[in-house]
């Protein structure tokens, strides 16, 4: 039991070390303005996926009736 607690503590402490460093790729994308393209593409993908799931749900409800 003590070993599990020690492993969990070690993993949580190592995650916080990585979170404090600045990511070079994100800084580069932000400085060049390309981060907005990435965000726009991700939003488009999620929007299309959401519409697809909504339409699929409506079709399934019609089939169930």
PDB file of N, CA and C in Angstrom:
ATOM      1  N   UNK A   1       0.825  -1.191   0.000  1.00  0.00           N
ATOM      2  CA  UNK A   1       0.000   0.000   0.000  1.00  0.00           C
ATOM      3  C   UNK A   1       0.870   1.256   0.000  1.00  0.00           C
ATOM      4  N   UNK A   2       1.958   1.222   0.781  1.00  0.00           N
ATOM      5  CA  UNK A   2       2.851   2.378   0.827  1.00  0.00           C
ATOM      6  C   UNK A   2       3.542   2.595  -0.507  1.00  0.00           C
ATOM      7  N   UNK A   3       3.824   1.489  -1.219  1.00  0.00           N
ATOM      8  CA  UNK A   3       4.465   1.619  -2.523  1.00  0.00           C
ATOM      9  C   UNK A   3       3.545   2.305  -3.524  1.00  0.00           C
ATOM     10  N   UNK A   4       2.273   1.986  -3.466  1.00  0.00           N
ATOM     11  CA  UNK A   4       1.313   2.599  -4.390  1.00  0.00           C
ATOM     12  C   UNK A   4       1.201   4.090  -4.125  1.00  0.00           C
ATOM     13  N   UNK A   5       1.152   4.453  -2.871  1.00  0.00           N
ATOM     14  CA  UNK A   5       1.067   5.874  -2.517  1.00  0.00           C
ATOM     15  C   UNK A   5       2.322   6.609  -2.971  1.00  0.00           C
ATOM     16  N   UNK A   6       3.475   5.988  -2.814  1.00  0.00           N
ATOM     17  CA  UNK A   6       4.728   6.612  -3.236  1.00  0.00           C
ATOM     18  C   UNK A   6       4.769   6.791  -4.753  1.00  0.00           C
ATOM     19  N   UNK A   7       4.290   5.810  -5.491  1.00  0.00           N
ATOM     20  CA  UNK A   7       4.279   5.898  -6.956  1.00  0.00           C
ATOM     21  C   UNK A   7       3.327   6.998  -7.411  1.00  0.00           C
ATOM     22  N   UNK A   8       2.148   7.066  -6.811  1.00  0.00           N
ATOM     23  CA  UNK A   8       1.178   8.110  -7.166  1.00  0.00           C
ATOM     24  C   UNK A   8       1.739   9.488  -6.849  1.00  0.00           C
ATOM     25  N   UNK A   9       2.370   9.630  -5.713  1.00  0.00           N
ATOM     26  CA  UNK A   9       2.972  10.915  -5.344  1.00  0.00           C
ATOM     27  C   UNK A   9       4.066  11.305  -6.333  1.00  0.00           C
ATOM     28  N   UNK A  10       4.892  10.343  -6.718  1.00  0.00           N
ATOM     29  CA  UNK A  10       5.961  10.616  -7.674  1.00  0.00           C
ATOM     30  C   UNK A  10       5.397  11.043  -9.020  1.00  0.00           C
ATOM     31  N   UNK A  11       4.361  10.358  -9.498  1.00  0.00           N
ATOM     32  CA  UNK A  11       3.766  10.711 -10.790  1.00  0.00           C
ATOM     33  C   UNK A  11       3.135  12.096 -10.759  1.00  0.00           C
ATOM     34  N   UNK A  12       2.439  12.405  -9.681  1.00  0.00           N
ATOM     35  CA  UNK A  12       1.805  13.720  -9.576  1.00  0.00           C
ATOM     36  C   UNK A  12       2.840  14.836  -9.488  1.00  0.00           C
ATOM     37  N   UNK A  13       3.937  14.587  -8.804  1.00  0.00           N
ATOM     38  CA  UNK A  13       4.963  15.625  -8.701  1.00  0.00           C
ATOM     39  C   UNK A  13       5.687  15.817 -10.023  1.00  0.00           C
ATOM     40  N   UNK A  14       5.863  14.764 -10.796  1.00  0.00           N
ATOM     41  CA  UNK A  14       6.532  14.900 -12.090  1.00  0.00           C
ATOM     42  C   UNK A  14       5.630  15.596 -13.102  1.00  0.00           C
ATOM     43  N   UNK A  15       4.331  15.411 -12.995  1.00  0.00           N
ATOM     44  CA  UNK A  15       3.404  16.083 -13.904  1.00  0.00           C
ATOM     45  C   UNK A  15       3.442  17.586 -13.666  1.00  0.00           C
ATOM     46  N   UNK A  16       3.538  18.002 -12.434  1.00  0.00           N
ATOM     47  CA  UNK A  16       3.568  19.436 -12.155  1.00  0.00           C
ATOM     48  C   UNK A  16       4.853  20.075 -12.678  1.00  0.00           C
ATOM     49  N   UNK A  17       5.938  19.319 -12.738  1.00  0.00           N
ATOM     50  CA  UNK A  17       7.177  19.861 -13.296  1.00  0.00           C
ATOM     51  C   UNK A  17       7.040  20.123 -14.790  1.00  0.00           C
ATOM     52  N   UNK A  18       6.358  19.238 -15.495  1.00  0.00           N
ATOM     53  CA  UNK A  18       6.162  19.430 -16.923  1.00  0.00           C
ATOM     54  C   UNK A  18       5.199  20.575 -17.204  1.00  0.00           C
ATOM     55  N   UNK A  19       4.240  20.785 -16.338  1.00  0.00           N
ATOM     56  CA  UNK A  19       3.238  21.820 -16.562  1.00  0.00           C
ATOM     57  C   UNK A  19       3.837  23.215 -16.417  1.00  0.00           C
ATOM     58  N   UNK A  20       4.922  23.360 -15.723  1.00  0.00           N
ATOM     59  CA  UNK A  20       5.497  24.676 -15.493  1.00  0.00           C
ATOM     60  C   UNK A  20       6.383  25.140 -16.638  1.00  0.00           C
ATOM     61  N   UNK A  21       6.837  24.230 -17.480  1.00  0.00           N
ATOM     62  CA  UNK A  21       7.692  24.640 -18.590  1.00  0.00           C
ATOM     63  C   UNK A  21       6.822  25.175 -19.724  1.00  0.00           C
ATOM     64  N   UNK A  22       7.385  26.131 -20.486  1.00  0.00           N
ATOM     65  CA  UNK A  22       6.641  26.720 -21.595  1.00  0.00           C
ATOM     66  C   UNK A  22       6.860  25.878 -22.841  1.00  0.00           C
ATOM     67  N   UNK A  23       5.816  25.654 -23.597  1.00  0.00           N
ATOM     68  CA  UNK A  23       5.891  24.810 -24.780  1.00  0.00           C
ATOM     69  C   UNK A  23       6.307  25.677 -25.964  1.00  0.00           C
ATOM     70  N   UNK A  24       7.402  25.288 -26.615  1.00  0.00           N
ATOM     71  CA  UNK A  24       7.945  26.081 -27.712  1.00  0.00           C
ATOM     72  C   UNK A  24       7.009  26.118 -28.913  1.00  0.00           C
ATOM     73  N   UNK A  25       6.362  25.000 -29.200  1.00  0.00           N
ATOM     74  CA  UNK A  25       5.482  24.954 -30.361  1.00  0.00           C
ATOM     75  C   UNK A  25       4.314  25.912 -30.187  1.00  0.00           C
ATOM     76  N   UNK A  26       3.710  25.928 -29.005  1.00  0.00           N
ATOM     77  CA  UNK A  26       2.587  26.815 -28.757  1.00  0.00           C
ATOM     78  C   UNK A  26       3.018  28.274 -28.809  1.00  0.00           C
ATOM     79  N   UNK A  27       4.201  28.565 -28.310  1.00  0.00           N
ATOM     80  CA  UNK A  27       4.708  29.938 -28.355  1.00  0.00           C
ATOM     81  C   UNK A  27       4.950  30.375 -29.797  1.00  0.00           C
ATOM     82  N   UNK A  28       5.504  29.473 -30.595  1.00  0.00           N
ATOM     83  CA  UNK A  28       5.746  29.780 -32.001  1.00  0.00           C
ATOM     84  C   UNK A  28       4.466  29.991 -32.776  1.00  0.00           C
ATOM     85  N   UNK A  29       3.472  29.131 -32.525  1.00  0.00           N
ATOM     86  CA  UNK A  29       2.192  29.286 -33.210  1.00  0.00           C
ATOM     87  C   UNK A  29       1.491  30.570 -32.789  1.00  0.00           C
ATOM     88  N   UNK A  30       1.601  30.900 -31.500  1.00  0.00           N
ATOM     89  CA  UNK A  30       0.955  32.107 -31.000  1.00  0.00           C
ATOM     90  C   UNK A  30       1.608  33.361 -31.572  1.00  0.00           C
ATOM     91  N   UNK A  31       2.925  33.351 -31.664  1.00  0.00           N
ATOM     92  CA  UNK A  31       3.632  34.535 -32.142  1.00  0.00           C
ATOM     93  C   UNK A  31       3.408  34.770 -33.634  1.00  0.00           C
ATOM     94  N   UNK A  32       3.224  33.695 -34.406  1.00  0.00           N
ATOM     95  CA  UNK A  32       3.016  33.856 -35.847  1.00  0.00           C
ATOM     96  C   UNK A  32       1.541  33.985 -36.208  1.00  0.00           C
ATOM     97  N   UNK A  33       0.645  33.787 -35.245  1.00  0.00           N
ATOM     98  CA  UNK A  33      -0.785  33.910 -35.508  1.00  0.00           C
ATOM     99  C   UNK A  33      -1.411  32.649 -36.058  1.00  0.00           C
ATOM    100  N   UNK A  34      -0.641  31.571 -36.168  1.00  0.00           N
ATOM    101  CA  UNK A  34      -1.175  30.324 -36.720  1.00  0.00           C
ATOM    102  C   UNK A  34      -2.019  29.555 -35.709  1.00  0.00           C
ATOM    103  N   UNK A  35      -1.953  29.942 -34.457  1.00  0.00           N
ATOM    104  CA  UNK A  35      -2.749  29.255 -33.442  1.00  0.00           C
ATOM    105  C   UNK A  35      -4.232  29.416 -33.721  1.00  0.00           C
ATOM    106  N   UNK A  36      -4.597  30.542 -34.345  1.00  0.00           N
ATOM    107  CA  UNK A  36      -6.000  30.772 -34.675  1.00  0.00           C
ATOM    108  C   UNK A  36      -6.473  29.807 -35.762  1.00  0.00           C
ATOM    109  N   UNK A  37      -5.585  29.450 -36.671  1.00  0.00           N
ATOM    110  CA  UNK A  37      -5.929  28.468 -37.700  1.00  0.00           C
ATOM    111  C   UNK A  37      -6.154  27.109 -37.056  1.00  0.00           C
ATOM    112  N   UNK A  38      -5.305  26.747 -36.130  1.00  0.00           N
ATOM    113  CA  UNK A  38      -5.438  25.463 -35.436  1.00  0.00           C
ATOM    114  C   UNK A  38      -6.748  25.418 -34.660  1.00  0.00           C
ATOM    115  N   UNK A  39      -7.059  26.500 -33.945  1.00  0.00           N
ATOM    116  CA  UNK A  39      -8.302  26.553 -33.168  1.00  0.00           C
ATOM    117  C   UNK A  39      -9.504  26.484 -34.096  1.00  0.00           C
ATOM    118  N   UNK A  40      -9.451  27.187 -35.219  1.00  0.00           N
ATOM    119  CA  UNK A  40     -10.558  27.180 -36.173  1.00  0.00           C
ATOM    120  C   UNK A  40     -10.778  25.788 -36.758  1.00  0.00           C
ATOM    121  N   UNK A  41      -9.707  25.098 -37.090  1.00  0.00           N
ATOM    122  CA  UNK A  41      -9.841  23.738 -37.627  1.00  0.00           C
ATOM    123  C   UNK A  41     -10.437  22.803 -36.583  1.00  0.00           C
ATOM    124  N   UNK A  42      -9.970  22.904 -35.346  1.00  0.00           N
ATOM    125  CA  UNK A  42     -10.521  22.047 -34.280  1.00  0.00           C
ATOM    126  C   UNK A  42     -11.991  22.343 -34.026  1.00  0.00           C
ATOM    127  N   UNK A  43     -12.365  23.621 -34.003  1.00  0.00           N
ATOM    128  CA  UNK A  43     -13.768  23.981 -33.807  1.00  0.00           C
ATOM    129  C   UNK A  43     -14.633  23.473 -34.954  1.00  0.00           C
ATOM    130  N   UNK A  44     -14.115  23.537 -36.173  1.00  0.00           N
ATOM    131  CA  UNK A  44     -14.858  23.034 -37.323  1.00  0.00           C
ATOM    132  C   UNK A  44     -15.069  21.527 -37.218  1.00  0.00           C
ATOM    133  N   UNK A  45     -14.026  20.812 -36.836  1.00  0.00           N
ATOM    134  CA  UNK A  45     -14.142  19.360 -36.693  1.00  0.00           C
ATOM    135  C   UNK A  45     -15.168  19.008 -35.627  1.00  0.00           C
ATOM    136  N   UNK A  46     -15.115  19.677 -34.469  1.00  0.00           N
ATOM    137  CA  UNK A  46     -16.071  19.381 -33.401  1.00  0.00           C
ATOM    138  C   UNK A  46     -17.486  19.778 -33.792  1.00  0.00           C
ATOM    139  N   UNK A  47     -17.649  20.862 -34.525  1.00  0.00           N
ATOM    140  CA  UNK A  47     -18.980  21.275 -34.962  1.00  0.00           C
ATOM    141  C   UNK A  47     -19.577  20.261 -35.932  1.00  0.00           C
ATOM    142  N   UNK A  48     -18.777  19.816 -36.893  1.00  0.00           N
ATOM    143  CA  UNK A  48     -19.261  18.824 -37.859  1.00  0.00           C
ATOM    144  C   UNK A  48     -19.582  17.521 -37.147  1.00  0.00           C
ATOM    145  N   UNK A  49     -18.755  17.124 -36.219  1.00  0.00           N
ATOM    146  CA  UNK A  49     -19.010  15.901 -35.455  1.00  0.00           C
ATOM    147  C   UNK A  49     -20.292  16.024 -34.641  1.00  0.00           C
ATOM    148  N   UNK A  50     -20.509  17.182 -34.027  1.00  0.00           N
ATOM    149  CA  UNK A  50     -21.726  17.398 -33.253  1.00  0.00           C
ATOM    150  C   UNK A  50     -22.976  17.350 -34.117  1.00  0.00           C
ATOM    151  N   UNK A  51     -22.926  17.985 -35.294  1.00  0.00           N
ATOM    152  CA  UNK A  51     -24.077  17.953 -36.209  1.00  0.00           C
ATOM    153  C   UNK A  51     -24.331  16.530 -36.685  1.00  0.00           C
ATOM    154  N   UNK A  52     -23.261  15.809 -37.005  1.00  0.00           N
ATOM    155  CA  UNK A  52     -23.415  14.427 -37.437  1.00  0.00           C
ATOM    156  C   UNK A  52     -24.074  13.576 -36.354  1.00  0.00           C
ATOM    157  N   UNK A  53     -23.630  13.717 -35.130  1.00  0.00           N
ATOM    158  CA  UNK A  53     -24.211  12.922 -34.039  1.00  0.00           C
ATOM    159  C   UNK A  53     -25.658  13.306 -33.780  1.00  0.00           C
ATOM    160  N   UNK A  54     -25.971  14.594 -33.906  1.00  0.00           N
ATOM    161  CA  UNK A  54     -27.352  15.046 -33.722  1.00  0.00           C
ATOM    162  C   UNK A  54     -28.263  14.434 -34.786  1.00  0.00           C
ATOM    163  N   UNK A  55     -27.827  14.484 -36.050  1.00  0.00           N
ATOM    164  CA  UNK A  55     -28.635  13.910 -37.126  1.00  0.00           C
ATOM    165  C   UNK A  55     -28.746  12.400 -36.999  1.00  0.00           C
ATOM    166  N   UNK A  56     -27.683  11.758 -36.582  1.00  0.00           N
ATOM    167  CA  UNK A  56     -27.707  10.315 -36.377  1.00  0.00           C
ATOM    168  C   UNK A  56     -28.679   9.936 -35.263  1.00  0.00           C
ATOM    169  N   UNK A  57     -28.706  10.726 -34.206  1.00  0.00           N
ATOM    170  CA  UNK A  57     -29.631  10.476 -33.106  1.00  0.00           C
ATOM    171  C   UNK A  57     -31.076  10.607 -33.571  1.00  0.00           C
ATOM    172  N   UNK A  58     -31.353  11.607 -34.408  1.00  0.00           N
ATOM    173  CA  UNK A  58     -32.714  11.770 -34.925  1.00  0.00           C
ATOM    174  C   UNK A  58     -33.119  10.587 -35.788  1.00  0.00           C
ATOM    175  N   UNK A  59     -32.205  10.097 -36.612  1.00  0.00           N
ATOM    176  CA  UNK A  59     -32.514   8.927 -37.456  1.00  0.00           C
ATOM    177  C   UNK A  59     -32.768   7.689 -36.615  1.00  0.00           C
ATOM    178  N   UNK A  60     -31.984   7.514 -35.577  1.00  0.00           N
ATOM    179  CA  UNK A  60     -32.158   6.334 -34.708  1.00  0.00           C
ATOM    180  C   UNK A  60     -33.498   6.407 -33.987  1.00  0.00           C
ATOM    181  N   UNK A  61     -33.885   7.604 -33.538  1.00  0.00           N
ATOM    182  CA  UNK A  61     -35.188   7.758 -32.873  1.00  0.00           C
ATOM    183  C   UNK A  61     -36.327   7.424 -33.825  1.00  0.00           C
ATOM    184  N   UNK A  62     -36.213   7.816 -35.098  1.00  0.00           N
ATOM    185  CA  UNK A  62     -37.241   7.496 -36.080  1.00  0.00           C
ATOM    186  C   UNK A  62     -37.331   5.987 -36.300  1.00  0.00           C
ATOM    187  N   UNK A  63     -36.181   5.333 -36.337  1.00  0.00           N
ATOM    188  CA  UNK A  63     -36.178   3.879 -36.520  1.00  0.00           C
ATOM    189  C   UNK A  63     -36.772   3.157 -35.315  1.00  0.00           C
ATOM    190  N   UNK A  64     -36.556   3.692 -34.114  1.00  0.00           N
ATOM    191  CA  UNK A  64     -37.090   3.059 -32.916  1.00  0.00           C
ATOM    192  C   UNK A  64     -38.609   3.155 -32.869  1.00  0.00           C
ATOM    193  N   UNK A  65     -39.151   4.239 -33.383  1.00  0.00           N
ATOM    194  CA  UNK A  65     -40.611   4.397 -33.384  1.00  0.00           C
ATOM    195  C   UNK A  65     -41.201   3.464 -34.415  1.00  0.00           C
TER     196      UNK A  65
END
